[in-house]
Amino acid sequence: MHAQSVSLAGVTVWLRSDRTAWLPPDQAGGAADGAAGHAPAGTEWPAGGTLLVADAHLGKAHQFSALGVPLPASARSGADGDTLARLAAALHATAARRLVVLGDLFHGPQGGDSPARFARAMAAWAAGRPGGLPAELVLIGGNHDTRARADLSALQGLLGERLICLPEEGHWRHGLLACAHHPEPVAGAGYTLSGHLHPCVHVQAPGRDRLRLPCFWLGDAGVRPVGVLPAFGAFTGMHPIRPAGADQVWAVTPQGLHRLPA
């Protein structure tokens, strides 16, 4: 797993090749905005950080099937399982004490058993953490979550006050860094990380081949201090972006993260 650090509004953020981002527990001594660094030595991540994910779209395959959209068997049976397995792996690898979902955790109102499966995944995370329950689960609403109206009573029973549900227009703050669903600057924040767009880039491969790769898109802090995480879900679309100026674009490939030239 490859990772790269950047500093956004003085907060160190690790971009990870599993399409998550991670905030270390100790934010002292961050590098200058836009600076990059190397991943923690070996596979050791300091316990107690915060994992950020965007746009899991759990239950999308169920929603499509309910609407009569034909899907391959792999999508119908395995999309949610793959997404939740990768989420569990990221939580375990980073020893995160907090999970923040930047919107669109669920896809629609006919999402099948996706809320129950997510609740079971969170229960396994809680049971596997030293000292019992994780410190916090923050769910920022997305436009699809608003339509889904998922029943979160099982999660509420599991986490109690450790479950924080924010509306679609809400945001979560970590110092001067804000996390939101829609890619718009949050008032009073130095930088905003968001989801919603499912950003990707097209890269010309040898011959006539073109690759479409998910990416982290970090807007120039001096012009538009908004960054967008790639969609985390296994069954989501992607939207090509048009970076400008000093924007940073980190493409996600099977070999790791690669910064693309402006």
C-alpha atoms as a PDB file:
ATOM      1  CA  MET A   1       0.000   0.000   0.000  1.00  0.00           C
ATOM      2  CA  HIS A   2       1.503   3.308  -1.108  1.00  0.00           C
ATOM      3  CA  ALA A   3       0.825   6.631   0.604  1.00  0.00           C
ATOM      4  CA  GLN A   4       1.817  10.236   0.146  1.00  0.00           C
ATOM      5  CA  SER A   5       1.516  13.108   2.600  1.00  0.00           C
ATOM      6  CA  VAL A   6       0.392  16.629   1.871  1.00  0.00           C
ATOM      7  CA  SER A   7      -0.255  19.523   4.223  1.00  0.00           C
ATOM      8  CA  LEU A   8      -3.584  21.288   3.846  1.00  0.00           C
ATOM      9  CA  ALA A   9      -4.187  24.369   5.991  1.00  0.00           C
ATOM     10  CA  GLY A  10      -1.412  23.155   8.274  1.00  0.00           C
ATOM     11  CA  VAL A  11      -2.962  19.697   8.744  1.00  0.00           C
ATOM     12  CA  THR A  12      -0.978  16.695   7.538  1.00  0.00           C
ATOM     13  CA  VAL A  13      -3.098  14.414   5.355  1.00  0.00           C
ATOM     14  CA  TRP A  14      -1.902  11.073   4.036  1.00  0.00           C
ATOM     15  CA  LEU A  15      -3.365  10.106   0.662  1.00  0.00           C
ATOM     16  CA  ARG A  16      -3.474   6.314   0.400  1.00  0.00           C
ATOM     17  CA  SER A  17      -3.556   4.127  -2.693  1.00  0.00           C
ATOM     18  CA  ASP A  18      -6.642   2.316  -1.353  1.00  0.00           C
ATOM     19  CA  ARG A  19      -8.547   5.574  -2.089  1.00  0.00           C
ATOM     20  CA  THR A  20      -8.755   6.611   1.552  1.00  0.00           C
ATOM     21  CA  ALA A  21      -7.090   9.495   3.372  1.00  0.00           C
ATOM     22  CA  TRP A  22      -5.674   9.413   6.884  1.00  0.00           C
ATOM     23  CA  LEU A  23      -5.098  12.096   9.505  1.00  0.00           C
ATOM     24  CA  PRO A  24      -2.370  11.275  12.057  1.00  0.00           C
ATOM     25  CA  PRO A  25      -3.199  11.582  15.755  1.00  0.00           C
ATOM     26  CA  ASP A  26      -0.357  14.084  16.276  1.00  0.00           C
ATOM     27  CA  GLN A  27      -0.647  17.104  13.981  1.00  0.00           C
ATOM     28  CA  ALA A  28       2.270  19.061  15.425  1.00  0.00           C
ATOM     29  CA  GLY A  29       4.993  20.264  13.103  1.00  0.00           C
ATOM     30  CA  GLY A  30       3.215  19.874   9.765  1.00  0.00           C
ATOM     31  CA  ALA A  31       5.005  20.733   6.523  1.00  0.00           C
ATOM     32  CA  ALA A  32       4.179  23.730   4.362  1.00  0.00           C
ATOM     33  CA  ASP A  33       0.995  23.587   2.281  1.00  0.00           C
ATOM     34  CA  GLY A  34       1.412  21.290  -0.700  1.00  0.00           C
ATOM     35  CA  ALA A  35       4.570  19.604   0.611  1.00  0.00           C
ATOM     36  CA  ALA A  36       4.886  15.866   0.076  1.00  0.00           C
ATOM     37  CA  GLY A  37       6.449  13.175   2.213  1.00  0.00           C
ATOM     38  CA  HIS A  38       7.071   9.457   2.432  1.00  0.00           C
ATOM     39  CA  ALA A  39       4.813   6.855   3.998  1.00  0.00           C
ATOM     40  CA  PRO A  40       5.442   5.766   7.593  1.00  0.00           C
ATOM     41  CA  ALA A  41       8.295   3.290   7.902  1.00  0.00           C
ATOM     42  CA  GLY A  42       7.253  -0.203   6.868  1.00  0.00           C
ATOM     43  CA  THR A  43       3.577  -0.779   7.577  1.00  0.00           C
ATOM     44  CA  GLU A  44       3.483   0.974  10.944  1.00  0.00           C
ATOM     45  CA  TRP A  45       0.825   3.670  11.246  1.00  0.00           C
ATOM     46  CA  PRO A  46       0.544   5.429  14.621  1.00  0.00           C
ATOM     47  CA  ALA A  47      -2.602   4.201  16.368  1.00  0.00           C
ATOM     48  CA  GLY A  48      -5.388   6.681  16.992  1.00  0.00           C
ATOM     49  CA  GLY A  49      -5.668   8.537  13.699  1.00  0.00           C
ATOM     50  CA  THR A  50      -8.723   9.341  11.576  1.00  0.00           C
ATOM     51  CA  LEU A  51      -9.627   7.540   8.348  1.00  0.00           C
ATOM     52  CA  LEU A  52     -11.523   9.464   5.653  1.00  0.00           C
ATOM     53  CA  VAL A  53     -13.563   7.786   2.912  1.00  0.00           C
ATOM     54  CA  ALA A  54     -16.013   9.195   0.382  1.00  0.00           C
ATOM     55  CA  ASP A  55     -18.794   7.792  -1.766  1.00  0.00           C
ATOM     56  CA  ALA A  56     -19.049   4.125  -0.829  1.00  0.00           C
ATOM     57  CA  HIS A  57     -22.526   3.912  -2.430  1.00  0.00           C
ATOM     58  CA  LEU A  58     -23.447   0.752  -0.548  1.00  0.00           C
ATOM     59  CA  GLY A  59     -26.589  -0.858  -1.905  1.00  0.00           C
ATOM     60  CA  LYS A  60     -26.226   0.568  -5.404  1.00  0.00           C
ATOM     61  CA  ALA A  61     -26.447  -2.858  -7.039  1.00  0.00           C
ATOM     62  CA  HIS A  62     -29.655  -3.591  -5.076  1.00  0.00           C
ATOM     63  CA  GLN A  63     -31.077  -0.239  -6.165  1.00  0.00           C
ATOM     64  CA  PHE A  64     -30.311  -0.874  -9.826  1.00  0.00           C
ATOM     65  CA  SER A  65     -31.764  -4.378  -9.694  1.00  0.00           C
ATOM     66  CA  ALA A  66     -34.945  -3.024  -8.088  1.00  0.00           C
ATOM     67  CA  LEU A  67     -35.262  -0.612 -11.010  1.00  0.00           C
ATOM     68  CA  GLY A  68     -34.830  -3.419 -13.546  1.00  0.00           C
ATOM     69  CA  VAL A  69     -31.317  -2.452 -14.658  1.00  0.00           C
ATOM     70  CA  PRO A  70     -29.418  -5.587 -15.756  1.00  0.00           C
ATOM     71  CA  LEU A  71     -26.156  -6.097 -13.872  1.00  0.00           C
ATOM     72  CA  PRO A  72     -23.381  -8.686 -13.990  1.00  0.00           C
ATOM     73  CA  ALA A  73     -23.564 -11.297 -11.243  1.00  0.00           C
ATOM     74  CA  SER A  74     -20.325  -9.995  -9.715  1.00  0.00           C
ATOM     75  CA  ALA A  75     -21.890  -6.578  -9.115  1.00  0.00           C
ATOM     76  CA  ARG A  76     -25.155  -7.962  -7.769  1.00  0.00           C
ATOM     77  CA  SER A  77     -23.531 -10.310  -5.277  1.00  0.00           C
ATOM     78  CA  GLY A  78     -20.161  -8.851  -4.432  1.00  0.00           C
ATOM     79  CA  ALA A  79     -19.971  -5.062  -4.733  1.00  0.00           C
ATOM     80  CA  ASP A  80     -20.915  -4.295  -1.127  1.00  0.00           C
ATOM     81  CA  GLY A  81     -18.820  -7.151   0.204  1.00  0.00           C
ATOM     82  CA  ASP A  82     -15.738  -5.926  -1.649  1.00  0.00           C
ATOM     83  CA  THR A  83     -16.264  -2.339  -0.477  1.00  0.00           C
ATOM     84  CA  LEU A  84     -16.721  -3.354   3.163  1.00  0.00           C
ATOM     85  CA  ALA A  85     -13.765  -5.743   3.075  1.00  0.00           C
ATOM     86  CA  ARG A  86     -11.492  -2.984   1.781  1.00  0.00           C
ATOM     87  CA  LEU A  87     -12.843  -0.586   4.409  1.00  0.00           C
ATOM     88  CA  ALA A  88     -12.156  -3.109   7.175  1.00  0.00           C
ATOM     89  CA  ALA A  89      -8.636  -3.620   5.825  1.00  0.00           C
ATOM     90  CA  ALA A  90      -7.958   0.139   5.811  1.00  0.00           C
ATOM     91  CA  LEU A  91      -9.265   0.566   9.356  1.00  0.00           C
ATOM     92  CA  HIS A  92      -7.135  -2.327  10.558  1.00  0.00           C
ATOM     93  CA  ALA A  93      -4.011  -1.175   8.716  1.00  0.00           C
ATOM     94  CA  THR A  94      -4.178   2.373  10.078  1.00  0.00           C
ATOM     95  CA  ALA A  95      -5.439   1.465  13.580  1.00  0.00           C
ATOM     96  CA  ALA A  96      -7.841   4.393  13.149  1.00  0.00           C
ATOM     97  CA  ARG A  97      -9.876   5.492  16.155  1.00  0.00           C
ATOM     98  CA  ARG A  98     -12.269   7.529  14.052  1.00  0.00           C
ATOM     99  CA  LEU A  99     -13.933   6.949  10.686  1.00  0.00           C
ATOM    100  CA  VAL A 100     -15.332   9.945   8.806  1.00  0.00           C
ATOM    101  CA  VAL A 101     -17.509   9.237   5.747  1.00  0.00           C
ATOM    102  CA  LEU A 102     -17.681  12.237   3.396  1.00  0.00           C
ATOM    103  CA  GLY A 103     -21.164  11.505   2.123  1.00  0.00           C
ATOM    104  CA  ASP A 104     -22.998   8.961  -0.020  1.00  0.00           C
ATOM    105  CA  LEU A 105     -22.369   6.000   2.239  1.00  0.00           C
ATOM    106  CA  PHE A 106     -25.616   4.523   0.865  1.00  0.00           C
ATOM    107  CA  HIS A 107     -26.923   4.829  -2.666  1.00  0.00           C
ATOM    108  CA  GLY A 108     -30.708   4.808  -2.579  1.00  0.00           C
ATOM    109  CA  PRO A 109     -33.931   3.804  -0.807  1.00  0.00           C
ATOM    110  CA  GLN A 110     -33.909   0.235  -2.173  1.00  0.00           C
ATOM    111  CA  GLY A 111     -30.435  -0.666  -0.973  1.00  0.00           C
ATOM    112  CA  GLY A 112     -31.292  -4.107   0.354  1.00  0.00           C
ATOM    113  CA  ASP A 113     -29.347  -5.179   3.438  1.00  0.00           C
ATOM    114  CA  SER A 114     -26.569  -2.602   3.016  1.00  0.00           C
ATOM    115  CA  PRO A 115     -27.273  -0.740   6.323  1.00  0.00           C
ATOM    116  CA  ALA A 116     -27.224  -4.022   8.249  1.00  0.00           C
ATOM    117  CA  ARG A 117     -24.002  -5.152   6.571  1.00  0.00           C
ATOM    118  CA  PHE A 118     -22.346  -1.826   7.333  1.00  0.00           C
ATOM    119  CA  ALA A 119     -23.461  -2.057  10.968  1.00  0.00           C
ATOM    120  CA  ARG A 120     -21.922  -5.543  11.227  1.00  0.00           C
ATOM    121  CA  ALA A 121     -18.670  -4.243   9.747  1.00  0.00           C
ATOM    122  CA  MET A 122     -18.586  -1.448  12.320  1.00  0.00           C
ATOM    123  CA  ALA A 123     -19.297  -3.978  15.107  1.00  0.00           C
ATOM    124  CA  ALA A 124     -16.315  -6.048  13.969  1.00  0.00           C
ATOM    125  CA  TRP A 125     -14.162  -2.912  13.951  1.00  0.00           C
ATOM    126  CA  ALA A 126     -15.335  -2.044  17.453  1.00  0.00           C
ATOM    127  CA  ALA A 127     -14.645  -5.537  18.769  1.00  0.00           C
ATOM    128  CA  GLY A 128     -11.186  -5.575  17.226  1.00  0.00           C
ATOM    129  CA  ARG A 129      -9.997  -2.269  18.653  1.00  0.00           C
ATOM    130  CA  PRO A 130      -7.956  -2.176  21.853  1.00  0.00           C
ATOM    131  CA  GLY A 131     -10.185  -0.964  24.664  1.00  0.00           C
ATOM    132  CA  GLY A 132     -13.443  -1.835  22.925  1.00  0.00           C
ATOM    133  CA  LEU A 133     -15.498   0.585  20.873  1.00  0.00           C
ATOM    134  CA  PRO A 134     -13.925   3.011  18.406  1.00  0.00           C
ATOM    135  CA  ALA A 135     -13.899   6.598  19.545  1.00  0.00           C
ATOM    136  CA  GLU A 136     -16.090   7.969  16.782  1.00  0.00           C
ATOM    137  CA  LEU A 137     -17.976   7.293  13.567  1.00  0.00           C
ATOM    138  CA  VAL A 138     -18.891  10.485  11.705  1.00  0.00           C
ATOM    139  CA  LEU A 139     -21.377  10.156   8.840  1.00  0.00           C
ATOM    140  CA  ILE A 140     -21.712  13.281   6.713  1.00  0.00           C
ATOM    141  CA  GLY A 141     -24.856  13.089   4.623  1.00  0.00           C
ATOM    142  CA  GLY A 142     -24.668  13.024   0.842  1.00  0.00           C
ATOM    143  CA  ASN A 143     -27.291  13.603  -1.815  1.00  0.00           C
ATOM    144  CA  HIS A 144     -27.757   9.837  -2.204  1.00  0.00           C
ATOM    145  CA  ASP A 145     -27.952   9.345   1.564  1.00  0.00           C
ATOM    146  CA  THR A 146     -30.731  11.924   1.694  1.00  0.00           C
ATOM    147  CA  ARG A 147     -32.739   9.836  -0.762  1.00  0.00           C
ATOM    148  CA  ALA A 148     -31.777   6.521   0.867  1.00  0.00           C
ATOM    149  CA  ARG A 149     -33.091   7.388   4.353  1.00  0.00           C
ATOM    150  CA  ALA A 150     -31.262   4.334   5.709  1.00  0.00           C
ATOM    151  CA  ASP A 151     -32.273   2.939   9.095  1.00  0.00           C
ATOM    152  CA  LEU A 152     -29.248   3.526  11.348  1.00  0.00           C
ATOM    153  CA  SER A 153     -30.827   2.268  14.579  1.00  0.00           C
ATOM    154  CA  ALA A 154     -28.473  -0.725  14.705  1.00  0.00           C
ATOM    155  CA  LEU A 155     -25.489   1.604  14.449  1.00  0.00           C
ATOM    156  CA  GLN A 156     -26.968   3.907  17.064  1.00  0.00           C
ATOM    157  CA  GLY A 157     -27.417   0.986  19.426  1.00  0.00           C
ATOM    158  CA  LEU A 158     -23.825  -0.092  18.850  1.00  0.00           C
ATOM    159  CA  LEU A 159     -22.088   3.258  19.138  1.00  0.00           C
ATOM    160  CA  GLY A 160     -24.413   5.531  21.094  1.00  0.00           C
ATOM    161  CA  GLU A 161     -22.883   9.008  21.342  1.00  0.00           C
ATOM    162  CA  ARG A 162     -19.925   7.808  19.291  1.00  0.00           C
ATOM    163  CA  LEU A 163     -22.126   7.947  16.177  1.00  0.00           C
ATOM    164  CA  ILE A 164     -22.342  11.475  14.794  1.00  0.00           C
ATOM    165  CA  CYS A 165     -24.721  11.971  11.861  1.00  0.00           C
ATOM    166  CA  LEU A 166     -24.458  15.268  10.011  1.00  0.00           C
ATOM    167  CA  PRO A 167     -26.832  16.572   7.318  1.00  0.00           C
ATOM    168  CA  GLU A 168     -25.920  16.894   3.653  1.00  0.00           C
ATOM    169  CA  GLU A 169     -24.952  20.529   4.123  1.00  0.00           C
ATOM    170  CA  GLY A 170     -22.981  19.743   7.295  1.00  0.00           C
ATOM    171  CA  HIS A 171     -19.249  19.408   7.770  1.00  0.00           C
ATOM    172  CA  TRP A 172     -16.706  18.012  10.235  1.00  0.00           C
ATOM    173  CA  ARG A 173     -13.713  20.098  11.323  1.00  0.00           C
ATOM    174  CA  HIS A 174     -10.171  19.095  12.228  1.00  0.00           C
ATOM    175  CA  GLY A 175      -8.285  22.288  12.987  1.00  0.00           C
ATOM    176  CA  LEU A 176      -8.505  24.481   9.895  1.00  0.00           C
ATOM    177  CA  LEU A 177      -9.345  21.458   7.727  1.00  0.00           C
ATOM    178  CA  ALA A 178     -13.035  20.835   6.992  1.00  0.00           C
ATOM    179  CA  CYS A 179     -14.599  17.668   5.599  1.00  0.00           C
ATOM    180  CA  ALA A 180     -17.849  17.903   3.644  1.00  0.00           C
ATOM    181  CA  HIS A 181     -19.718  16.080   0.899  1.00  0.00           C
ATOM    182  CA  HIS A 182     -20.076  18.767  -1.741  1.00  0.00           C
ATOM    183  CA  PRO A 183     -16.867  20.281  -3.173  1.00  0.00           C
ATOM    184  CA  GLU A 184     -17.431  23.831  -2.001  1.00  0.00           C
ATOM    185  CA  PRO A 185     -15.311  25.848   0.459  1.00  0.00           C
ATOM    186  CA  VAL A 186     -16.552  25.721   4.052  1.00  0.00           C
ATOM    187  CA  ALA A 187     -16.765  29.155   5.645  1.00  0.00           C
ATOM    188  CA  GLY A 188     -14.016  29.708   8.201  1.00  0.00           C
ATOM    189  CA  ALA A 189     -11.961  26.704   7.110  1.00  0.00           C
ATOM    190  CA  GLY A 190      -8.518  26.971   5.577  1.00  0.00           C
ATOM    191  CA  TYR A 191      -9.107  23.989   3.296  1.00  0.00           C
ATOM    192  CA  THR A 192     -12.018  21.639   2.551  1.00  0.00           C
ATOM    193  CA  LEU A 193     -11.832  17.956   1.631  1.00  0.00           C
ATOM    194  CA  SER A 194     -14.926  16.571  -0.068  1.00  0.00           C
ATOM    195  CA  GLY A 195     -16.400  13.776  -2.160  1.00  0.00           C
ATOM    196  CA  HIS A 196     -19.392  13.723  -4.545  1.00  0.00           C
ATOM    197  CA  LEU A 197     -17.536  14.079  -7.865  1.00  0.00           C
ATOM    198  CA  HIS A 198     -15.877  10.634  -8.152  1.00  0.00           C
ATOM    199  CA  PRO A 199     -12.854  12.277  -9.849  1.00  0.00           C
ATOM    200  CA  CYS A 200     -10.780  10.483 -12.470  1.00  0.00           C
ATOM    201  CA  VAL A 201      -8.201  11.271 -15.128  1.00  0.00           C
ATOM    202  CA  HIS A 202      -7.526   9.871 -18.579  1.00  0.00           C
ATOM    203  CA  VAL A 203      -3.920   8.856 -19.177  1.00  0.00           C
ATOM    204  CA  GLN A 204      -2.522   8.001 -22.581  1.00  0.00           C
ATOM    205  CA  ALA A 205      -0.981   4.542 -22.543  1.00  0.00           C
ATOM    206  CA  PRO A 206       1.366   3.062 -25.181  1.00  0.00           C
ATOM    207  CA  GLY A 207      -0.233   2.728 -28.581  1.00  0.00           C
ATOM    208  CA  ARG A 208      -3.810   3.933 -28.755  1.00  0.00           C
ATOM    209  CA  ASP A 209      -4.810   2.756 -25.311  1.00  0.00           C
ATOM    210  CA  ARG A 210      -6.190   5.234 -22.775  1.00  0.00           C
ATOM    211  CA  LEU A 211      -6.490   4.504 -19.090  1.00  0.00           C
ATOM    212  CA  ARG A 212      -9.167   5.961 -16.855  1.00  0.00           C
ATOM    213  CA  LEU A 213      -7.850   6.198 -13.313  1.00  0.00           C
ATOM    214  CA  PRO A 214      -9.471   7.386 -10.074  1.00  0.00           C
ATOM    215  CA  CYS A 215      -7.600  10.256  -8.485  1.00  0.00           C
ATOM    216  CA  PHE A 216      -7.222  12.638  -5.584  1.00  0.00           C
ATOM    217  CA  TRP A 217      -7.792  16.176  -6.862  1.00  0.00           C
ATOM    218  CA  LEU A 218      -6.391  18.884  -4.594  1.00  0.00           C
ATOM    219  CA  GLY A 219      -7.255  22.412  -5.604  1.00  0.00           C
ATOM    220  CA  ASP A 220      -4.645  25.149  -5.331  1.00  0.00           C
ATOM    221  CA  ALA A 221      -4.999  26.465  -1.774  1.00  0.00           C
ATOM    222  CA  GLY A 222      -4.446  30.033  -2.955  1.00  0.00           C
ATOM    223  CA  VAL A 223      -7.166  29.897  -5.605  1.00  0.00           C
ATOM    224  CA  ARG A 224      -9.758  27.274  -4.647  1.00  0.00           C
ATOM    225  CA  PRO A 225      -8.947  25.560  -1.345  1.00  0.00           C
ATOM    226  CA  VAL A 226     -11.030  22.437  -2.031  1.00  0.00           C
ATOM    227  CA  GLY A 227      -9.871  18.868  -2.543  1.00  0.00           C
ATOM    228  CA  VAL A 228     -11.875  15.856  -3.711  1.00  0.00           C
ATOM    229  CA  LEU A 229     -11.308  12.243  -2.695  1.00  0.00           C
ATOM    230  CA  PRO A 230     -11.846   9.414  -5.182  1.00  0.00           C
ATOM    231  CA  ALA A 231     -14.979   7.325  -4.770  1.00  0.00           C
ATOM    232  CA  PHE A 232     -14.302   4.402  -2.446  1.00  0.00           C
ATOM    233  CA  GLY A 233     -17.131   2.089  -3.492  1.00  0.00           C
ATOM    234  CA  ALA A 234     -16.489  -0.919  -5.701  1.00  0.00           C
ATOM    235  CA  PHE A 235     -19.524  -0.136  -7.869  1.00  0.00           C
ATOM    236  CA  THR A 236     -19.428   3.570  -8.714  1.00  0.00           C
ATOM    237  CA  GLY A 237     -18.935   5.681 -11.801  1.00  0.00           C
ATOM    238  CA  MET A 238     -16.155   8.214 -12.322  1.00  0.00           C
ATOM    239  CA  HIS A 239     -16.133  11.805 -13.558  1.00  0.00           C
ATOM    240  CA  PRO A 240     -13.206  13.245 -15.574  1.00  0.00           C
ATOM    241  CA  ILE A 241     -11.761  16.401 -14.031  1.00  0.00           C
ATOM    242  CA  ARG A 242     -10.143  19.496 -15.484  1.00  0.00           C
ATOM    243  CA  PRO A 243      -7.384  20.601 -13.113  1.00  0.00           C
ATOM    244  CA  ALA A 244      -5.988  24.108 -13.442  1.00  0.00           C
ATOM    245  CA  GLY A 245      -3.042  26.132 -12.262  1.00  0.00           C
ATOM    246  CA  ALA A 246      -1.205  24.619  -9.320  1.00  0.00           C
ATOM    247  CA  ASP A 247      -3.798  21.926  -8.569  1.00  0.00           C
ATOM    248  CA  GLN A 248      -2.362  18.610  -7.447  1.00  0.00           C
ATOM    249  CA  VAL A 249      -3.652  15.435  -9.105  1.00  0.00           C
ATOM    250  CA  TRP A 250      -2.621  12.079  -7.661  1.00  0.00           C
ATOM    251  CA  ALA A 251      -3.720   9.172  -9.859  1.00  0.00           C
ATOM    252  CA  VAL A 252      -4.455   5.848  -8.167  1.00  0.00           C
ATOM    253  CA  THR A 253      -2.969   2.824  -9.948  1.00  0.00           C
ATOM    254  CA  PRO A 254      -2.372  -0.806  -8.920  1.00  0.00           C
ATOM    255  CA  GLN A 255       1.276   0.208  -8.381  1.00  0.00           C
ATOM    256  CA  GLY A 256       0.449   3.120  -6.074  1.00  0.00           C
ATOM    257  CA  LEU A 257      -0.086   6.883  -6.269  1.00  0.00           C
ATOM    258  CA  HIS A 258       1.404   8.936  -9.084  1.00  0.00           C
ATOM    259  CA  ARG A 259       1.366  12.703  -9.246  1.00  0.00           C
ATOM    260  CA  LEU A 260       0.453  13.885 -12.719  1.00  0.00           C
ATOM    261  CA  PRO A 261       2.015  17.001 -14.250  1.00  0.00           C
ATOM    262  CA  ALA A 262      -0.122  20.124 -14.395  1.00  0.00           C
END
